[in-house]
PDB file of N, CA and C in Angstrom:
ATOM      1  N   MET A   1     123.330  79.284 112.526  1.00  0.00           N
ATOM      2  CA  MET A   1     123.879  78.795 111.309  1.00  0.00           C
ATOM      3  C   MET A   1     124.894  80.057 110.683  1.00  0.00           C
ATOM      4  N   GLN A   2     125.922  79.735 110.188  1.00  0.00           N
ATOM      5  CA  GLN A   2     126.762  80.789 109.747  1.00  0.00           C
ATOM      6  C   GLN A   2     126.376  81.095 108.325  1.00  0.00           C
ATOM      7  N   THR A   3     126.379  82.430 108.062  1.00  0.00           N
ATOM      8  CA  THR A   3     125.957  82.902 106.711  1.00  0.00           C
ATOM      9  C   THR A   3     127.065  83.850 106.333  1.00  0.00           C
ATOM     10  N   THR A   4     127.121  84.056 105.037  1.00  0.00           N
ATOM     11  CA  THR A   4     128.085  85.070 104.494  1.00  0.00           C
ATOM     12  C   THR A   4     127.932  86.560 105.122  1.00  0.00           C
ATOM     13  N   LEU A   5     126.619  86.812 105.567  1.00  0.00           N
ATOM     14  CA  LEU A   5     126.446  87.932 106.177  1.00  0.00           C
ATOM     15  C   LEU A   5     127.093  88.285 107.514  1.00  0.00           C
ATOM     16  N   ASN A   6     127.267  86.876 108.240  1.00  0.00           N
ATOM     17  CA  ASN A   6     128.106  86.753 109.384  1.00  0.00           C
ATOM     18  C   ASN A   6     129.504  87.293 109.104  1.00  0.00           C
ATOM     19  N   LEU A   7     130.069  86.812 107.979  1.00  0.00           N
ATOM     20  CA  LEU A   7     131.397  87.099 107.497  1.00  0.00           C
ATOM     21  C   LEU A   7     131.522  88.609 107.182  1.00  0.00           C
ATOM     22  N   LEU A   8     130.651  89.125 106.545  1.00  0.00           N
ATOM     23  CA  LEU A   8     130.500  90.421 106.220  1.00  0.00           C
ATOM     24  C   LEU A   8     130.465  91.347 107.589  1.00  0.00           C
ATOM     25  N   ASP A   9     129.751  91.025 108.411  1.00  0.00           N
ATOM     26  CA  ASP A   9     129.612  91.757 109.638  1.00  0.00           C
ATOM     27  C   ASP A   9     131.011  91.694 110.435  1.00  0.00           C
ATOM     28  N   ALA A  10     131.601  90.511 110.368  1.00  0.00           N
ATOM     29  CA  ALA A  10     132.975  90.653 111.081  1.00  0.00           C
ATOM     30  C   ALA A  10     133.890  91.399 110.290  1.00  0.00           C
ATOM     31  N   ALA A  11     133.833  91.566 108.885  1.00  0.00           N
ATOM     32  CA  ALA A  11     134.689  92.472 108.083  1.00  0.00           C
ATOM     33  C   ALA A  11     134.427  94.002 108.429  1.00  0.00           C
ATOM     34  N   ILE A  12     133.123  94.328 108.656  1.00  0.00           N
ATOM     35  CA  ILE A  12     132.844  95.716 108.985  1.00  0.00           C
ATOM     36  C   ILE A  12     133.377  96.029 110.328  1.00  0.00           C
ATOM     37  N   LYS A  13     133.588  95.212 111.313  1.00  0.00           N
ATOM     38  CA  LYS A  13     134.221  95.491 112.484  1.00  0.00           C
ATOM     39  C   LYS A  13     135.688  95.994 112.476  1.00  0.00           C
ATOM     40  N   VAL A  14     136.225  95.563 111.283  1.00  0.00           N
ATOM     41  CA  VAL A  14     137.729  95.779 110.890  1.00  0.00           C
ATOM     42  C   VAL A  14     137.850  97.258 110.247  1.00  0.00           C
ATOM     43  N   GLN A  15     136.941  97.266 109.199  1.00  0.00           N
ATOM     44  CA  GLN A  15     136.845  98.584 108.509  1.00  0.00           C
ATOM     45  C   GLN A  15     135.637  98.604 107.515  1.00  0.00           C
ATOM     46  N   GLY A  16     135.352  99.769 106.939  1.00  0.00           N
ATOM     47  CA  GLY A  16     134.238 100.041 106.310  1.00  0.00           C
ATOM     48  C   GLY A  16     134.141  99.244 105.023  1.00  0.00           C
ATOM     49  N   LEU A  17     132.856  99.218 104.556  1.00  0.00           N
ATOM     50  CA  LEU A  17     132.591  98.384 103.151  1.00  0.00           C
ATOM     51  C   LEU A  17     133.385  99.017 102.034  1.00  0.00           C
ATOM     52  N   SER A  18     133.315 100.337 101.994  1.00  0.00           N
ATOM     53  CA  SER A  18     134.138 101.091 100.954  1.00  0.00           C
ATOM     54  C   SER A  18     135.653 100.742 100.948  1.00  0.00           C
ATOM     55  N   ASP A  19     136.150 100.585 102.130  1.00  0.00           N
ATOM     56  CA  ASP A  19     137.499 100.264 102.240  1.00  0.00           C
ATOM     57  C   ASP A  19     137.727  98.909 101.880  1.00  0.00           C
ATOM     58  N   TRP A  20     137.001  97.871 102.319  1.00  0.00           N
ATOM     59  CA  TRP A  20     137.043  96.449 101.873  1.00  0.00           C
ATOM     60  C   TRP A  20     136.885  96.335 100.319  1.00  0.00           C
ATOM     61  N   ALA A  21     135.900  97.042  99.783  1.00  0.00           N
ATOM     62  CA  ALA A  21     135.784  97.029  98.297  1.00  0.00           C
ATOM     63  C   ALA A  21     137.095  97.519  97.676  1.00  0.00           C
ATOM     64  N   ALA A  22     137.743  98.443  98.132  1.00  0.00           N
ATOM     65  CA  ALA A  22     138.857  98.950  97.419  1.00  0.00           C
ATOM     66  C   ALA A  22     140.142  97.972  97.677  1.00  0.00           C
ATOM     67  N   GLN A  23     140.134  97.449  98.840  1.00  0.00           N
ATOM     68  CA  GLN A  23     141.218  96.420  99.126  1.00  0.00           C
ATOM     69  C   GLN A  23     141.009  95.179  98.375  1.00  0.00           C
ATOM     70  N   LEU A  24     139.876  94.746  98.063  1.00  0.00           N
ATOM     71  CA  LEU A  24     139.520  93.536  97.260  1.00  0.00           C
ATOM     72  C   LEU A  24     139.413  93.720  95.712  1.00  0.00           C
ATOM     73  N   GLY A  25     139.595  95.145  95.319  1.00  0.00           N
ATOM     74  CA  GLY A  25     139.525  95.478  93.925  1.00  0.00           C
ATOM     75  C   GLY A  25     137.944  95.350  93.345  1.00  0.00           C
ATOM     76  N   LEU A  26     137.152  95.709  94.056  1.00  0.00           N
ATOM     77  CA  LEU A  26     135.726  95.609  93.816  1.00  0.00           C
ATOM     78  C   LEU A  26     135.115  97.011  93.638  1.00  0.00           C
ATOM     79  N   SER A  27     134.058  97.074  92.844  1.00  0.00           N
ATOM     80  CA  SER A  27     133.314  98.542  92.915  1.00  0.00           C
ATOM     81  C   SER A  27     132.803  98.886  94.158  1.00  0.00           C
ATOM     82  N   LYS A  28     132.774 100.102  94.436  1.00  0.00           N
ATOM     83  CA  LYS A  28     132.205 100.581  95.758  1.00  0.00           C
ATOM     84  C   LYS A  28     130.957 100.137  96.036  1.00  0.00           C
ATOM     85  N   ARG A  29     130.123  99.743  95.063  1.00  0.00           N
ATOM     86  CA  ARG A  29     128.755  99.318  95.392  1.00  0.00           C
ATOM     87  C   ARG A  29     128.657  97.700  95.493  1.00  0.00           C
ATOM     88  N   ALA A  30     129.644  96.968  95.238  1.00  0.00           N
ATOM     89  CA  ALA A  30     129.517  95.459  95.223  1.00  0.00           C
ATOM     90  C   ALA A  30     129.202  94.906  96.524  1.00  0.00           C
ATOM     91  N   LEU A  31     129.876  95.389  97.629  1.00  0.00           N
ATOM     92  CA  LEU A  31     129.592  94.796  98.958  1.00  0.00           C
ATOM     93  C   LEU A  31     128.267  95.412  99.537  1.00  0.00           C
ATOM     94  N   TYR A  32     127.915  96.716  99.110  1.00  0.00           N
ATOM     95  CA  TYR A  32     126.530  97.173  99.606  1.00  0.00           C
ATOM     96  C   TYR A  32     125.408  96.275  98.954  1.00  0.00           C
ATOM     97  N   THR A  33     125.602  96.150  97.631  1.00  0.00           N
ATOM     98  CA  THR A  33     124.620  95.278  96.887  1.00  0.00           C
ATOM     99  C   THR A  33     124.536  93.907  97.391  1.00  0.00           C
ATOM    100  N   ALA A  34     125.676  93.307  97.755  1.00  0.00           N
ATOM    101  CA  ALA A  34     125.609  92.005  98.284  1.00  0.00           C
ATOM    102  C   ALA A  34     124.811  91.856  99.527  1.00  0.00           C
ATOM    103  N   ARG A  35     125.190  92.863 100.500  1.00  0.00           N
ATOM    104  CA  ARG A  35     124.518  92.900 101.841  1.00  0.00           C
ATOM    105  C   ARG A  35     122.975  93.169 101.694  1.00  0.00           C
ATOM    106  N   ASP A  36     122.547  93.951 100.640  1.00  0.00           N
ATOM    107  CA  ASP A  36     121.146  94.144 100.380  1.00  0.00           C
ATOM    108  C   ASP A  36     120.494  92.890  99.973  1.00  0.00           C
ATOM    109  N   ARG A  37     121.245  92.050  99.047  1.00  0.00           N
ATOM    110  CA  ARG A  37     120.632  90.840  98.650  1.00  0.00           C
ATOM    111  C   ARG A  37     120.712  89.755  99.703  1.00  0.00           C
ATOM    112  N   GLY A  38     121.489  89.860 100.661  1.00  0.00           N
ATOM    113  CA  GLY A  38     121.483  88.859 101.772  1.00  0.00           C
ATOM    114  C   GLY A  38     122.509  87.814 101.748  1.00  0.00           C
ATOM    115  N   HIS A  39     123.495  87.937 100.811  1.00  0.00           N
ATOM    116  CA  HIS A  39     124.505  87.011 100.604  1.00  0.00           C
ATOM    117  C   HIS A  39     125.769  87.517  99.836  1.00  0.00           C
ATOM    118  N   LEU A  40     126.878  86.960  99.993  1.00  0.00           N
ATOM    119  CA  LEU A  40     128.076  87.401  99.149  1.00  0.00           C
ATOM    120  C   LEU A  40     128.203  86.222  98.107  1.00  0.00           C
ATOM    121  N   SER A  41     128.839  86.425  97.077  1.00  0.00           N
ATOM    122  CA  SER A  41     129.174  85.591  96.045  1.00  0.00           C
ATOM    123  C   SER A  41     130.312  84.603  96.639  1.00  0.00           C
ATOM    124  N   PRO A  42     130.427  83.406  96.114  1.00  0.00           N
ATOM    125  CA  PRO A  42     131.601  82.553  96.556  1.00  0.00           C
ATOM    126  C   PRO A  42     133.007  83.173  96.485  1.00  0.00           C
ATOM    127  N   ALA A  43     133.116  83.881  95.386  1.00  0.00           N
ATOM    128  CA  ALA A  43     134.614  84.547  95.184  1.00  0.00           C
ATOM    129  C   ALA A  43     134.679  85.576  96.164  1.00  0.00           C
ATOM    130  N   ILE A  44     133.655  86.505  96.388  1.00  0.00           N
ATOM    131  CA  ILE A  44     133.921  87.604  97.440  1.00  0.00           C
ATOM    132  C   ILE A  44     133.957  87.042  98.764  1.00  0.00           C
ATOM    133  N   ALA A  45     133.354  86.040  99.081  1.00  0.00           N
ATOM    134  CA  ALA A  45     133.329  85.455 100.349  1.00  0.00           C
ATOM    135  C   ALA A  45     134.686  84.800 100.744  1.00  0.00           C
ATOM    136  N   GLY A  46     135.101  84.225  99.710  1.00  0.00           N
ATOM    137  CA  GLY A  46     136.648  83.519  99.747  1.00  0.00           C
ATOM    138  C   GLY A  46     137.796  84.621  99.998  1.00  0.00           C
ATOM    139  N   ALA A  47     137.532  85.648  99.277  1.00  0.00           N
ATOM    140  CA  ALA A  47     138.538  86.706  99.337  1.00  0.00           C
ATOM    141  C   ALA A  47     138.515  87.413 100.663  1.00  0.00           C
ATOM    142  N   LEU A  48     137.307  87.658 101.101  1.00  0.00           N
ATOM    143  CA  LEU A  48     137.140  88.351 102.348  1.00  0.00           C
ATOM    144  C   LEU A  48     137.481  87.532 103.556  1.00  0.00           C
ATOM    145  N   ALA A  49     137.203  86.217 103.476  1.00  0.00           N
ATOM    146  CA  ALA A  49     137.613  85.278 104.443  1.00  0.00           C
ATOM    147  C   ALA A  49     139.160  85.279 104.649  1.00  0.00           C
ATOM    148  N   GLU A  50     139.719  85.190 103.481  1.00  0.00           N
ATOM    149  CA  GLU A  50     141.285  85.198 103.448  1.00  0.00           C
ATOM    150  C   GLU A  50     141.893  86.407 103.972  1.00  0.00           C
ATOM    151  N   GLU A  51     141.255  87.533 103.712  1.00  0.00           N
ATOM    152  CA  GLU A  51     141.796  88.856 104.327  1.00  0.00           C
ATOM    153  C   GLU A  51     141.622  88.877 105.816  1.00  0.00           C
ATOM    154  N   LEU A  52     140.693  88.052 106.313  1.00  0.00           N
ATOM    155  CA  LEU A  52     140.304  88.160 107.790  1.00  0.00           C
ATOM    156  C   LEU A  52     141.225  87.032 108.454  1.00  0.00           C
ATOM    157  N   GLY A  53     141.870  86.269 107.724  1.00  0.00           N
ATOM    158  CA  GLY A  53     142.467  85.165 108.236  1.00  0.00           C
ATOM    159  C   GLY A  53     141.773  83.910 108.450  1.00  0.00           C
ATOM    160  N   GLN A  54     140.628  83.709 107.896  1.00  0.00           N
ATOM    161  CA  GLN A  54     139.747  82.585 107.987  1.00  0.00           C
ATOM    162  C   GLN A  54     139.879  81.592 106.864  1.00  0.00           C
ATOM    163  N   ASP A  55     139.287  80.443 107.071  1.00  0.00           N
ATOM    164  CA  ASP A  55     139.368  79.461 105.888  1.00  0.00           C
ATOM    165  C   ASP A  55     138.435  79.888 104.663  1.00  0.00           C
ATOM    166  N   ALA A  56     139.093  80.171 103.594  1.00  0.00           N
ATOM    167  CA  ALA A  56     138.583  80.765 102.521  1.00  0.00           C
ATOM    168  C   ALA A  56     137.725  79.548 101.761  1.00  0.00           C
ATOM    169  N   LYS A  57     138.165  78.451 101.831  1.00  0.00           N
ATOM    170  CA  LYS A  57     137.377  77.317 101.235  1.00  0.00           C
ATOM    171  C   LYS A  57     135.954  77.016 101.834  1.00  0.00           C
ATOM    172  N   GLU A  58     136.133  77.151 103.232  1.00  0.00           N
ATOM    173  CA  GLU A  58     134.770  77.064 104.047  1.00  0.00           C
ATOM    174  C   GLU A  58     133.813  78.006 103.698  1.00  0.00           C
ATOM    175  N   TRP A  59     134.230  79.216 103.509  1.00  0.00           N
ATOM    176  CA  TRP A  59     133.286  80.406 103.256  1.00  0.00           C
ATOM    177  C   TRP A  59     132.712  80.321 101.788  1.00  0.00           C
ATOM    178  N   ILE A  60     133.578  79.726 100.773  1.00  0.00           N
ATOM    179  CA  ILE A  60     133.279  79.658  99.606  1.00  0.00           C
ATOM    180  C   ILE A  60     132.154  78.616  99.423  1.00  0.00           C
ATOM    181  N   VAL A  61     132.224  77.601 100.191  1.00  0.00           N
ATOM    182  CA  VAL A  61     131.213  76.602 100.236  1.00  0.00           C
ATOM    183  C   VAL A  61     129.895  77.111 100.811  1.00  0.00           C
ATOM    184  N   VAL A  62     130.010  77.810 101.843  1.00  0.00           N
ATOM    185  CA  VAL A  62     128.735  78.509 102.536  1.00  0.00           C
ATOM    186  C   VAL A  62     128.042  79.346 101.480  1.00  0.00           C
ATOM    187  N   ALA A  63     128.980  80.234 100.717  1.00  0.00           N
ATOM    188  CA  ALA A  63     128.357  81.145  99.749  1.00  0.00           C
ATOM    189  C   ALA A  63     127.626  80.412  98.620  1.00  0.00           C
ATOM    190  N   ALA A  64     128.207  79.272  98.172  1.00  0.00           N
ATOM    191  CA  ALA A  64     127.845  78.424  97.052  1.00  0.00           C
ATOM    192  C   ALA A  64     126.306  77.916  97.523  1.00  0.00           C
ATOM    193  N   LEU A  65     126.264  77.446  98.693  1.00  0.00           N
ATOM    194  CA  LEU A  65     125.035  76.862  99.184  1.00  0.00           C
ATOM    195  C   LEU A  65     123.903  77.998  99.488  1.00  0.00           C
ATOM    196  N   GLU A  66     124.361  79.079  99.947  1.00  0.00           N
ATOM    197  CA  GLU A  66     123.371  80.043 100.080  1.00  0.00           C
ATOM    198  C   GLU A  66     122.731  80.700  98.687  1.00  0.00           C
ATOM    199  N   SER A  67     123.492  80.465  97.678  1.00  0.00           N
ATOM    200  CA  SER A  67     123.031  80.938  96.206  1.00  0.00           C
ATOM    201  C   SER A  67     122.300  79.863  95.574  1.00  0.00           C
ATOM    202  N   GLU A  68     122.165  78.818  96.149  1.00  0.00           N
ATOM    203  CA  GLU A  68     121.283  77.677  95.319  1.00  0.00           C
ATOM    204  C   GLU A  68     119.724  77.982  95.806  1.00  0.00           C
ATOM    205  N   ARG A  69     119.032  77.498  94.829  1.00  0.00           N
ATOM    206  CA  ARG A  69     117.548  77.532  94.999  1.00  0.00           C
ATOM    207  C   ARG A  69     117.418  76.428  95.984  1.00  0.00           C
ATOM    208  N   ASP A  70     116.277  76.630  96.735  1.00  0.00           N
ATOM    209  CA  ASP A  70     115.849  75.463  97.657  1.00  0.00           C
ATOM    210  C   ASP A  70     115.426  74.175  96.895  1.00  0.00           C
ATOM    211  N   SER A  71     115.985  73.190  97.357  1.00  0.00           N
ATOM    212  CA  SER A  71     115.845  71.707  96.848  1.00  0.00           C
ATOM    213  C   SER A  71     116.136  70.848  97.744  1.00  0.00           C
ATOM    214  N   ALA A  72     115.868  69.578  97.537  1.00  0.00           N
ATOM    215  CA  ALA A  72     116.083  68.429  98.293  1.00  0.00           C
ATOM    216  C   ALA A  72     117.675  68.341  98.379  1.00  0.00           C
ATOM    217  N   CYS A  73     118.319  68.512  97.246  1.00  0.00           N
ATOM    218  CA  CYS A  73     119.702  68.453  97.173  1.00  0.00           C
ATOM    219  C   CYS A  73     120.353  69.549  98.086  1.00  0.00           C
ATOM    220  N   LYS A  74     119.963  70.736  97.931  1.00  0.00           N
ATOM    221  CA  LYS A  74     120.463  71.895  98.777  1.00  0.00           C
ATOM    222  C   LYS A  74     120.357  71.566 100.325  1.00  0.00           C
ATOM    223  N   THR A  75     119.159  71.065 100.738  1.00  0.00           N
ATOM    224  CA  THR A  75     118.911  70.714 102.071  1.00  0.00           C
ATOM    225  C   THR A  75     119.898  69.697 102.595  1.00  0.00           C
ATOM    226  N   ARG A  76     120.031  68.667 101.705  1.00  0.00           N
ATOM    227  CA  ARG A  76     121.036  67.530 102.068  1.00  0.00           C
ATOM    228  C   ARG A  76     122.393  68.056 102.228  1.00  0.00           C
ATOM    229  N   MET A  77     122.816  68.971 101.410  1.00  0.00           N
ATOM    230  CA  MET A  77     124.201  69.428 101.287  1.00  0.00           C
ATOM    231  C   MET A  77     124.293  70.412 102.595  1.00  0.00           C
ATOM    232  N   VAL A  78     123.373  71.277 102.811  1.00  0.00           N
ATOM    233  CA  VAL A  78     123.436  71.995 104.066  1.00  0.00           C
ATOM    234  C   VAL A  78     123.687  71.252 105.359  1.00  0.00           C
ATOM    235  N   LYS A  79     122.798  70.242 105.379  1.00  0.00           N
ATOM    236  CA  LYS A  79     123.130  69.240 106.589  1.00  0.00           C
ATOM    237  C   LYS A  79     124.293  68.696 106.641  1.00  0.00           C
ATOM    238  N   ARG A  80     124.798  68.086 105.522  1.00  0.00           N
ATOM    239  CA  ARG A  80     126.043  67.401 105.470  1.00  0.00           C
ATOM    240  C   ARG A  80     127.202  68.317 105.824  1.00  0.00           C
ATOM    241  N   MET A  81     127.229  69.546 105.104  1.00  0.00           N
ATOM    242  CA  MET A  81     128.308  70.544 105.357  1.00  0.00           C
ATOM    243  C   MET A  81     128.156  71.179 106.666  1.00  0.00           C
ATOM    244  N   GLY A  82     126.982  71.241 107.199  1.00  0.00           N
ATOM    245  CA  GLY A  82     126.836  71.877 108.479  1.00  0.00           C
ATOM    246  C   GLY A  82     127.618  71.174 109.468  1.00  0.00           C
ATOM    247  N   LYS A  83     127.538  69.876 109.381  1.00  0.00           N
ATOM    248  CA  LYS A  83     128.389  69.006 110.425  1.00  0.00           C
ATOM    249  C   LYS A  83     129.994  69.220 110.369  1.00  0.00           C
ATOM    250  N   VAL A  84     130.410  69.498 109.081  1.00  0.00           N
ATOM    251  CA  VAL A  84     131.779  69.880 108.838  1.00  0.00           C
ATOM    252  C   VAL A  84     132.084  71.145 109.098  1.00  0.00           C
ATOM    253  N   LEU A  85     131.296  72.161 108.574  1.00  0.00           N
ATOM    254  CA  LEU A  85     131.585  73.543 108.815  1.00  0.00           C
ATOM    255  C   LEU A  85     131.012  74.181 110.169  1.00  0.00           C
ATOM    256  N   MET A  86     130.284  73.381 110.846  1.00  0.00           N
ATOM    257  CA  MET A  86     129.461  73.925 112.181  1.00  0.00           C
ATOM    258  C   MET A  86     128.608  75.076 111.694  1.00  0.00           C
ATOM    259  N   LEU A  87     127.894  74.972 110.553  1.00  0.00           N
ATOM    260  CA  LEU A  87     126.924  75.910 110.308  1.00  0.00           C
ATOM    261  C   LEU A  87     125.892  76.156 111.185  1.00  0.00           C
TER     262      LEU A  87
END
């Protein structure tokens, strides 16, 4: 399953987190904090995906689903979007 941490790992292969933070106009700690929490916000995921030449909309959806509390609705949407996004 794809996660926003997969996206962040791909970004780190290109340049360091501090460099990404500066390029995206974020505080230096923003990406480190996101990594520690285990997910990116939808806005950061979309911007990072765009910079990496990936589909920002898909990553925004992944990030939004990651941030949801566990529920029947979340499970349903993860299954549905997984077919579309190949999560």
